[in-house]
Amino acid sequence: MPLEWDLIVFLFISAVAIGAALAVVWSKEVVRSVVFLALVFLCIGFTYVFLNAEYLAVVQIMIYVGAVSVLMLFGIMLTKRRLLGGDRCE
């Protein structure tokens, strides 16, 4: 039984989403975790395309990847970080 191309692409996107989700949890830096989370949101949007829910895919990509991820990045960049000794990070 030959594999169809859409199944291969779906499995690839699913594997990337799972790998990025694991990278979100295991990443030591918060900014990298947000970037991996944006990749997870993007893969979920592509998964909606395979389910023939194009509108939901566009909404997923525009709101979660575009707005939520950028909002999280701005929130991280605007907070003051401190080192373990109490000194402020420059």
PDB file of N, CA and C in Angstrom:
ATOM      1  N   MET A   1       0.843  -1.177   0.000  1.00  0.00           N
ATOM      2  CA  MET A   1       0.000   0.000   0.000  1.00  0.00           C
ATOM      3  C   MET A   1       0.894   1.248   0.000  1.00  0.00           C
ATOM      4  N   PRO A   2       0.869   2.028  -1.065  1.00  0.00           N
ATOM      5  CA  PRO A   2       1.732   3.215  -1.127  1.00  0.00           C
ATOM      6  C   PRO A   2       1.194   4.339  -0.240  1.00  0.00           C
ATOM      7  N   LEU A   3       2.133   5.084   0.330  1.00  0.00           N
ATOM      8  CA  LEU A   3       1.747   6.233   1.142  1.00  0.00           C
ATOM      9  C   LEU A   3       1.418   7.414   0.237  1.00  0.00           C
ATOM     10  N   GLU A   4       0.386   8.129   0.584  1.00  0.00           N
ATOM     11  CA  GLU A   4       0.032   9.316  -0.178  1.00  0.00           C
ATOM     12  C   GLU A   4       0.861  10.500   0.318  1.00  0.00           C
ATOM     13  N   TRP A   5       1.063  11.479  -0.563  1.00  0.00           N
ATOM     14  CA  TRP A   5       1.904  12.621  -0.225  1.00  0.00           C
ATOM     15  C   TRP A   5       1.310  13.452   0.897  1.00  0.00           C
ATOM     16  N   ASP A   6      -0.021  13.580   0.918  1.00  0.00           N
ATOM     17  CA  ASP A   6      -0.610  14.388   1.979  1.00  0.00           C
ATOM     18  C   ASP A   6      -0.423  13.743   3.349  1.00  0.00           C
ATOM     19  N   LEU A   7      -0.398  12.415   3.400  1.00  0.00           N
ATOM     20  CA  LEU A   7      -0.136  11.737   4.669  1.00  0.00           C
ATOM     21  C   LEU A   7       1.311  11.953   5.113  1.00  0.00           C
ATOM     22  N   ILE A   8       2.232  11.911   4.163  1.00  0.00           N
ATOM     23  CA  ILE A   8       3.647  12.131   4.495  1.00  0.00           C
ATOM     24  C   ILE A   8       3.860  13.555   5.001  1.00  0.00           C
ATOM     25  N   VAL A   9       3.256  14.532   4.334  1.00  0.00           N
ATOM     26  CA  VAL A   9       3.393  15.925   4.769  1.00  0.00           C
ATOM     27  C   VAL A   9       2.734  16.128   6.129  1.00  0.00           C
ATOM     28  N   PHE A  10       1.567  15.507   6.338  1.00  0.00           N
ATOM     29  CA  PHE A  10       0.885  15.613   7.633  1.00  0.00           C
ATOM     30  C   PHE A  10       1.734  15.019   8.752  1.00  0.00           C
ATOM     31  N   LEU A  11       2.340  13.877   8.506  1.00  0.00           N
ATOM     32  CA  LEU A  11       3.195  13.265   9.526  1.00  0.00           C
ATOM     33  C   LEU A  11       4.436  14.113   9.795  1.00  0.00           C
ATOM     34  N   PHE A  12       4.986  14.725   8.756  1.00  0.00           N
ATOM     35  CA  PHE A  12       6.141  15.605   8.938  1.00  0.00           C
ATOM     36  C   PHE A  12       5.780  16.827   9.779  1.00  0.00           C
ATOM     37  N   ILE A  13       4.643  17.457   9.461  1.00  0.00           N
ATOM     38  CA  ILE A  13       4.210  18.634  10.225  1.00  0.00           C
ATOM     39  C   ILE A  13       3.900  18.247  11.666  1.00  0.00           C
ATOM     40  N   SER A  14       3.306  17.082  11.868  1.00  0.00           N
ATOM     41  CA  SER A  14       3.023  16.621  13.229  1.00  0.00           C
ATOM     42  C   SER A  14       4.308  16.364  14.006  1.00  0.00           C
ATOM     43  N   ALA A  15       5.292  15.783  13.345  1.00  0.00           N
ATOM     44  CA  ALA A  15       6.575  15.530  14.017  1.00  0.00           C
ATOM     45  C   ALA A  15       7.274  16.839  14.371  1.00  0.00           C
ATOM     46  N   VAL A  16       7.211  17.824  13.479  1.00  0.00           N
ATOM     47  CA  VAL A  16       7.805  19.130  13.777  1.00  0.00           C
ATOM     48  C   VAL A  16       7.084  19.783  14.952  1.00  0.00           C
ATOM     49  N   ALA A  17       5.753  19.667  14.992  1.00  0.00           N
ATOM     50  CA  ALA A  17       4.987  20.254  16.098  1.00  0.00           C
ATOM     51  C   ALA A  17       5.334  19.593  17.425  1.00  0.00           C
ATOM     52  N   ILE A  18       5.470  18.282  17.432  1.00  0.00           N
ATOM     53  CA  ILE A  18       5.822  17.575  18.667  1.00  0.00           C
ATOM     54  C   ILE A  18       7.243  17.930  19.094  1.00  0.00           C
ATOM     55  N   GLY A  19       8.158  17.981  18.134  1.00  0.00           N
ATOM     56  CA  GLY A  19       9.533  18.362  18.460  1.00  0.00           C
ATOM     57  C   GLY A  19       9.628  19.785  18.993  1.00  0.00           C
ATOM     58  N   ALA A  20       8.873  20.701  18.397  1.00  0.00           N
ATOM     59  CA  ALA A  20       8.888  22.086  18.874  1.00  0.00           C
ATOM     60  C   ALA A  20       8.238  22.202  20.247  1.00  0.00           C
ATOM     61  N   ALA A  21       7.198  21.410  20.499  1.00  0.00           N
ATOM     62  CA  ALA A  21       6.563  21.429  21.821  1.00  0.00           C
ATOM     63  C   ALA A  21       7.522  20.922  22.894  1.00  0.00           C
ATOM     64  N   LEU A  22       8.287  19.904  22.566  1.00  0.00           N
ATOM     65  CA  LEU A  22       9.294  19.429  23.518  1.00  0.00           C
ATOM     66  C   LEU A  22      10.398  20.464  23.713  1.00  0.00           C
ATOM     67  N   ALA A  23      10.743  21.176  22.654  1.00  0.00           N
ATOM     68  CA  ALA A  23      11.762  22.220  22.764  1.00  0.00           C
ATOM     69  C   ALA A  23      11.270  23.387  23.618  1.00  0.00           C
ATOM     70  N   VAL A  24       9.960  23.656  23.599  1.00  0.00           N
ATOM     71  CA  VAL A  24       9.405  24.700  24.465  1.00  0.00           C
ATOM     72  C   VAL A  24       9.649  24.351  25.920  1.00  0.00           C
ATOM     73  N   VAL A  25       9.424  23.100  26.263  1.00  0.00           N
ATOM     74  CA  VAL A  25       9.559  22.672  27.655  1.00  0.00           C
ATOM     75  C   VAL A  25      11.024  22.588  28.069  1.00  0.00           C
ATOM     76  N   TRP A  26      11.886  22.110  27.194  1.00  0.00           N
ATOM     77  CA  TRP A  26      13.276  21.845  27.555  1.00  0.00           C
ATOM     78  C   TRP A  26      14.213  23.029  27.347  1.00  0.00           C
ATOM     79  N   SER A  27      13.757  24.078  26.701  1.00  0.00           N
ATOM     80  CA  SER A  27      14.631  25.212  26.415  1.00  0.00           C
ATOM     81  C   SER A  27      14.945  25.983  27.694  1.00  0.00           C
ATOM     82  N   LYS A  28      16.194  26.390  27.825  1.00  0.00           N
ATOM     83  CA  LYS A  28      16.635  27.123  29.015  1.00  0.00           C
ATOM     84  C   LYS A  28      16.310  28.612  28.922  1.00  0.00           C
ATOM     85  N   GLU A  29      16.230  29.154  27.716  1.00  0.00           N
ATOM     86  CA  GLU A  29      15.961  30.577  27.543  1.00  0.00           C
ATOM     87  C   GLU A  29      14.501  30.793  27.181  1.00  0.00           C
ATOM     88  N   VAL A  30      13.910  31.814  27.788  1.00  0.00           N
ATOM     89  CA  VAL A  30      12.487  32.074  27.609  1.00  0.00           C
ATOM     90  C   VAL A  30      12.182  32.549  26.192  1.00  0.00           C
ATOM     91  N   VAL A  31      13.057  33.327  25.609  1.00  0.00           N
ATOM     92  CA  VAL A  31      12.817  33.840  24.259  1.00  0.00           C
ATOM     93  C   VAL A  31      12.796  32.696  23.251  1.00  0.00           C
ATOM     94  N   ARG A  32      13.701  31.755  23.406  1.00  0.00           N
ATOM     95  CA  ARG A  32      13.691  30.592  22.510  1.00  0.00           C
ATOM     96  C   ARG A  32      12.430  29.766  22.705  1.00  0.00           C
ATOM     97  N   SER A  33      11.946  29.669  23.926  1.00  0.00           N
ATOM     98  CA  SER A  33      10.707  28.936  24.181  1.00  0.00           C
ATOM     99  C   SER A  33       9.531  29.582  23.461  1.00  0.00           C
ATOM    100  N   VAL A  34       9.486  30.905  23.443  1.00  0.00           N
ATOM    101  CA  VAL A  34       8.405  31.599  22.741  1.00  0.00           C
ATOM    102  C   VAL A  34       8.508  31.379  21.236  1.00  0.00           C
ATOM    103  N   VAL A  35       9.713  31.367  20.702  1.00  0.00           N
ATOM    104  CA  VAL A  35       9.888  31.115  19.265  1.00  0.00           C
ATOM    105  C   VAL A  35       9.451  29.691  18.919  1.00  0.00           C
ATOM    106  N   PHE A  36       9.815  28.727  19.757  1.00  0.00           N
ATOM    107  CA  PHE A  36       9.357  27.358  19.523  1.00  0.00           C
ATOM    108  C   PHE A  36       7.843  27.243  19.672  1.00  0.00           C
ATOM    109  N   LEU A  37       7.260  28.007  20.596  1.00  0.00           N
ATOM    110  CA  LEU A  37       5.809  28.000  20.755  1.00  0.00           C
ATOM    111  C   LEU A  37       5.126  28.577  19.522  1.00  0.00           C
ATOM    112  N   ALA A  38       5.718  29.604  18.922  1.00  0.00           N
ATOM    113  CA  ALA A  38       5.184  30.145  17.671  1.00  0.00           C
ATOM    114  C   ALA A  38       5.249  29.098  16.562  1.00  0.00           C
ATOM    115  N   LEU A  39       6.307  28.294  16.550  1.00  0.00           N
ATOM    116  CA  LEU A  39       6.407  27.209  15.573  1.00  0.00           C
ATOM    117  C   LEU A  39       5.327  26.155  15.805  1.00  0.00           C
ATOM    118  N   VAL A  40       5.025  25.864  17.061  1.00  0.00           N
ATOM    119  CA  VAL A  40       3.941  24.923  17.371  1.00  0.00           C
ATOM    120  C   VAL A  40       2.613  25.471  16.863  1.00  0.00           C
ATOM    121  N   PHE A  41       2.345  26.757  17.120  1.00  0.00           N
ATOM    122  CA  PHE A  41       1.104  27.372  16.644  1.00  0.00           C
ATOM    123  C   PHE A  41       1.021  27.333  15.122  1.00  0.00           C
ATOM    124  N   LEU A  42       2.136  27.562  14.451  1.00  0.00           N
ATOM    125  CA  LEU A  42       2.161  27.528  12.990  1.00  0.00           C
ATOM    126  C   LEU A  42       1.870  26.121  12.467  1.00  0.00           C
ATOM    127  N   CYS A  43       2.445  25.118  13.100  1.00  0.00           N
ATOM    128  CA  CYS A  43       2.185  23.734  12.690  1.00  0.00           C
ATOM    129  C   CYS A  43       0.731  23.351  12.927  1.00  0.00           C
ATOM    130  N   ILE A  44       0.140  23.846  14.003  1.00  0.00           N
ATOM    131  CA  ILE A  44      -1.276  23.580  14.248  1.00  0.00           C
ATOM    132  C   ILE A  44      -2.128  24.233  13.162  1.00  0.00           C
ATOM    133  N   GLY A  45      -1.738  25.429  12.742  1.00  0.00           N
ATOM    134  CA  GLY A  45      -2.448  26.079  11.644  1.00  0.00           C
ATOM    135  C   GLY A  45      -2.363  25.282  10.352  1.00  0.00           C
ATOM    136  N   PHE A  46      -1.191  24.727  10.056  1.00  0.00           N
ATOM    137  CA  PHE A  46      -1.059  23.882   8.868  1.00  0.00           C
ATOM    138  C   PHE A  46      -1.860  22.591   9.004  1.00  0.00           C
ATOM    139  N   THR A  47      -1.990  22.098  10.216  1.00  0.00           N
ATOM    140  CA  THR A  47      -2.807  20.906  10.439  1.00  0.00           C
ATOM    141  C   THR A  47      -4.274  21.197  10.140  1.00  0.00           C
ATOM    142  N   TYR A  48      -4.738  22.398  10.482  1.00  0.00           N
ATOM    143  CA  TYR A  48      -6.115  22.780  10.149  1.00  0.00           C
ATOM    144  C   TYR A  48      -6.331  22.818   8.641  1.00  0.00           C
ATOM    145  N   VAL A  49      -5.301  23.182   7.886  1.00  0.00           N
ATOM    146  CA  VAL A  49      -5.423  23.172   6.422  1.00  0.00           C
ATOM    147  C   VAL A  49      -5.676  21.752   5.926  1.00  0.00           C
ATOM    148  N   PHE A  50      -4.989  20.777   6.530  1.00  0.00           N
ATOM    149  CA  PHE A  50      -5.200  19.390   6.123  1.00  0.00           C
ATOM    150  C   PHE A  50      -6.573  18.874   6.519  1.00  0.00           C
ATOM    151  N   LEU A  51      -7.201  19.494   7.489  1.00  0.00           N
ATOM    152  CA  LEU A  51      -8.555  19.108   7.893  1.00  0.00           C
ATOM    153  C   LEU A  51      -9.625  19.880   7.129  1.00  0.00           C
ATOM    154  N   ASN A  52      -9.207  20.619   6.096  1.00  0.00           N
ATOM    155  CA  ASN A  52     -10.096  21.432   5.259  1.00  0.00           C
ATOM    156  C   ASN A  52     -10.815  22.508   6.058  1.00  0.00           C
ATOM    157  N   ALA A  53     -10.140  23.069   7.043  1.00  0.00           N
ATOM    158  CA  ALA A  53     -10.671  24.182   7.827  1.00  0.00           C
ATOM    159  C   ALA A  53      -9.766  25.387   7.590  1.00  0.00           C
ATOM    160  N   GLU A  54      -9.853  25.936   6.376  1.00  0.00           N
ATOM    161  CA  GLU A  54      -8.940  27.001   5.987  1.00  0.00           C
ATOM    162  C   GLU A  54      -9.152  28.264   6.807  1.00  0.00           C
ATOM    163  N   TYR A  55     -10.415  28.595   7.098  1.00  0.00           N
ATOM    164  CA  TYR A  55     -10.694  29.792   7.888  1.00  0.00           C
ATOM    165  C   TYR A  55     -10.083  29.667   9.279  1.00  0.00           C
ATOM    166  N   LEU A  56     -10.247  28.511   9.887  1.00  0.00           N
ATOM    167  CA  LEU A  56      -9.674  28.279  11.212  1.00  0.00           C
ATOM    168  C   LEU A  56      -8.147  28.334  11.165  1.00  0.00           C
ATOM    169  N   ALA A  57      -7.566  27.864  10.074  1.00  0.00           N
ATOM    170  CA  ALA A  57      -6.110  27.926   9.920  1.00  0.00           C
ATOM    171  C   ALA A  57      -5.629  29.367   9.833  1.00  0.00           C
ATOM    172  N   VAL A  58      -6.331  30.186   9.070  1.00  0.00           N
ATOM    173  CA  VAL A  58      -5.946  31.595   8.947  1.00  0.00           C
ATOM    174  C   VAL A  58      -6.086  32.307  10.284  1.00  0.00           C
ATOM    175  N   VAL A  59      -7.180  32.030  11.000  1.00  0.00           N
ATOM    176  CA  VAL A  59      -7.378  32.649  12.311  1.00  0.00           C
ATOM    177  C   VAL A  59      -6.298  32.188  13.285  1.00  0.00           C
ATOM    178  N   GLN A  60      -5.969  30.913  13.263  1.00  0.00           N
ATOM    179  CA  GLN A  60      -4.923  30.372  14.140  1.00  0.00           C
ATOM    180  C   GLN A  60      -3.585  31.064  13.879  1.00  0.00           C
ATOM    181  N   ILE A  61      -3.228  31.185  12.620  1.00  0.00           N
ATOM    182  CA  ILE A  61      -1.935  31.773  12.283  1.00  0.00           C
ATOM    183  C   ILE A  61      -1.916  33.271  12.582  1.00  0.00           C
ATOM    184  N   MET A  62      -3.002  33.973  12.258  1.00  0.00           N
ATOM    185  CA  MET A  62      -3.010  35.418  12.485  1.00  0.00           C
ATOM    186  C   MET A  62      -3.045  35.767  13.967  1.00  0.00           C
ATOM    187  N   ILE A  63      -3.885  35.077  14.734  1.00  0.00           N
ATOM    188  CA  ILE A  63      -4.044  35.444  16.143  1.00  0.00           C
ATOM    189  C   ILE A  63      -2.922  34.868  16.990  1.00  0.00           C
ATOM    190  N   TYR A  64      -2.684  33.578  16.901  1.00  0.00           N
ATOM    191  CA  TYR A  64      -1.717  32.969  17.805  1.00  0.00           C
ATOM    192  C   TYR A  64      -0.276  33.242  17.390  1.00  0.00           C
ATOM    193  N   VAL A  65       0.035  33.009  16.126  1.00  0.00           N
ATOM    194  CA  VAL A  65       1.417  33.238  15.689  1.00  0.00           C
ATOM    195  C   VAL A  65       1.695  34.732  15.603  1.00  0.00           C
ATOM    196  N   GLY A  66       0.770  35.470  15.035  1.00  0.00           N
ATOM    197  CA  GLY A  66       1.006  36.891  14.838  1.00  0.00           C
ATOM    198  C   GLY A  66       0.878  37.725  16.084  1.00  0.00           C
ATOM    199  N   ALA A  67      -0.169  37.511  16.852  1.00  0.00           N
ATOM    200  CA  ALA A  67      -0.447  38.404  17.975  1.00  0.00           C
ATOM    201  C   ALA A  67       0.085  37.878  19.304  1.00  0.00           C
ATOM    202  N   VAL A  68      -0.267  36.663  19.654  1.00  0.00           N
ATOM    203  CA  VAL A  68       0.091  36.140  20.973  1.00  0.00           C
ATOM    204  C   VAL A  68       1.601  35.972  21.104  1.00  0.00           C
ATOM    205  N   SER A  69       2.235  35.431  20.092  1.00  0.00           N
ATOM    206  CA  SER A  69       3.688  35.237  20.168  1.00  0.00           C
ATOM    207  C   SER A  69       4.432  36.564  20.227  1.00  0.00           C
ATOM    208  N   VAL A  70       4.004  37.539  19.437  1.00  0.00           N
ATOM    209  CA  VAL A  70       4.648  38.849  19.469  1.00  0.00           C
ATOM    210  C   VAL A  70       4.394  39.527  20.811  1.00  0.00           C
ATOM    211  N   LEU A  71       3.196  39.381  21.357  1.00  0.00           N
ATOM    212  CA  LEU A  71       2.895  39.947  22.670  1.00  0.00           C
ATOM    213  C   LEU A  71       3.762  39.319  23.754  1.00  0.00           C
ATOM    214  N   MET A  72       3.956  38.017  23.690  1.00  0.00           N
ATOM    215  CA  MET A  72       4.822  37.350  24.663  1.00  0.00           C
ATOM    216  C   MET A  72       6.268  37.823  24.522  1.00  0.00           C
ATOM    217  N   LEU A  73       6.742  37.981  23.300  1.00  0.00           N
ATOM    218  CA  LEU A  73       8.109  38.465  23.095  1.00  0.00           C
ATOM    219  C   LEU A  73       8.291  39.887  23.627  1.00  0.00           C
ATOM    220  N   PHE A  74       7.309  40.759  23.375  1.00  0.00           N
ATOM    221  CA  PHE A  74       7.403  42.110  23.916  1.00  0.00           C
ATOM    222  C   PHE A  74       7.356  42.098  25.437  1.00  0.00           C
ATOM    223  N   GLY A  75       6.521  41.257  26.013  1.00  0.00           N
ATOM    224  CA  GLY A  75       6.457  41.156  27.467  1.00  0.00           C
ATOM    225  C   GLY A  75       7.765  40.690  28.068  1.00  0.00           C
ATOM    226  N   ILE A  76       8.413  39.754  27.410  1.00  0.00           N
ATOM    227  CA  ILE A  76       9.706  39.266  27.902  1.00  0.00           C
ATOM    228  C   ILE A  76      10.775  40.337  27.755  1.00  0.00           C
ATOM    229  N   MET A  77      10.771  41.035  26.619  1.00  0.00           N
ATOM    230  CA  MET A  77      11.807  42.036  26.390  1.00  0.00           C
ATOM    231  C   MET A  77      11.661  43.254  27.296  1.00  0.00           C
ATOM    232  N   LEU A  78      10.457  43.575  27.712  1.00  0.00           N
ATOM    233  CA  LEU A  78      10.248  44.774  28.515  1.00  0.00           C
ATOM    234  C   LEU A  78      10.362  44.535  30.013  1.00  0.00           C
ATOM    235  N   THR A  79      10.483  43.295  30.445  1.00  0.00           N
ATOM    236  CA  THR A  79      10.648  43.035  31.873  1.00  0.00           C
ATOM    237  C   THR A  79      12.121  43.156  32.245  1.00  0.00           C
ATOM    238  N   LYS A  80      12.352  43.539  33.484  1.00  0.00           N
ATOM    239  CA  LYS A  80      13.725  43.657  33.977  1.00  0.00           C
ATOM    240  C   LYS A  80      14.179  42.294  34.465  1.00  0.00           C
ATOM    241  N   ARG A  81      15.332  41.893  34.017  1.00  0.00           N
ATOM    242  CA  ARG A  81      15.893  40.613  34.446  1.00  0.00           C
ATOM    243  C   ARG A  81      16.967  40.848  35.490  1.00  0.00           C
ATOM    244  N   ARG A  82      17.078  39.916  36.398  1.00  0.00           N
ATOM    245  CA  ARG A  82      18.108  39.991  37.431  1.00  0.00           C
ATOM    246  C   ARG A  82      18.905  38.695  37.419  1.00  0.00           C
ATOM    247  N   LEU A  83      20.179  38.819  37.698  1.00  0.00           N
ATOM    248  CA  LEU A  83      21.034  37.647  37.823  1.00  0.00           C
ATOM    249  C   LEU A  83      20.782  36.988  39.171  1.00  0.00           C
ATOM    250  N   LEU A  84      21.325  35.813  39.372  1.00  0.00           N
ATOM    251  CA  LEU A  84      21.097  35.091  40.621  1.00  0.00           C
ATOM    252  C   LEU A  84      21.631  35.844  41.832  1.00  0.00           C
ATOM    253  N   GLY A  85      22.684  36.608  41.682  1.00  0.00           N
ATOM    254  CA  GLY A  85      23.257  37.351  42.798  1.00  0.00           C
ATOM    255  C   GLY A  85      22.485  38.609  43.147  1.00  0.00           C
ATOM    256  N   GLY A  86      21.480  38.959  42.382  1.00  0.00           N
ATOM    257  CA  GLY A  86      20.696  40.153  42.647  1.00  0.00           C
ATOM    258  C   GLY A  86      21.074  41.331  41.778  1.00  0.00           C
ATOM    259  N   ASP A  87      22.173  41.207  41.015  1.00  0.00           N
ATOM    260  CA  ASP A  87      22.577  42.289  40.125  1.00  0.00           C
ATOM    261  C   ASP A  87      21.645  42.343  38.922  1.00  0.00           C
ATOM    262  N   ARG A  88      21.475  43.549  38.412  1.00  0.00           N
ATOM    263  CA  ARG A  88      20.604  43.737  37.261  1.00  0.00           C
ATOM    264  C   ARG A  88      21.344  43.364  35.987  1.00  0.00           C
ATOM    265  N   CYS A  89      20.661  42.682  35.092  1.00  0.00           N
ATOM    266  CA  CYS A  89      21.234  42.294  33.800  1.00  0.00           C
ATOM    267  C   CYS A  89      21.211  43.493  32.861  1.00  0.00           C
ATOM    268  N   GLU A  90      22.271  43.755  32.180  1.00  0.00           N
ATOM    269  CA  GLU A  90      22.324  44.872  31.225  1.00  0.00           C
ATOM    270  C   GLU A  90      22.194  44.352  29.830  1.00  0.00           C
TER     271      GLU A  90
END
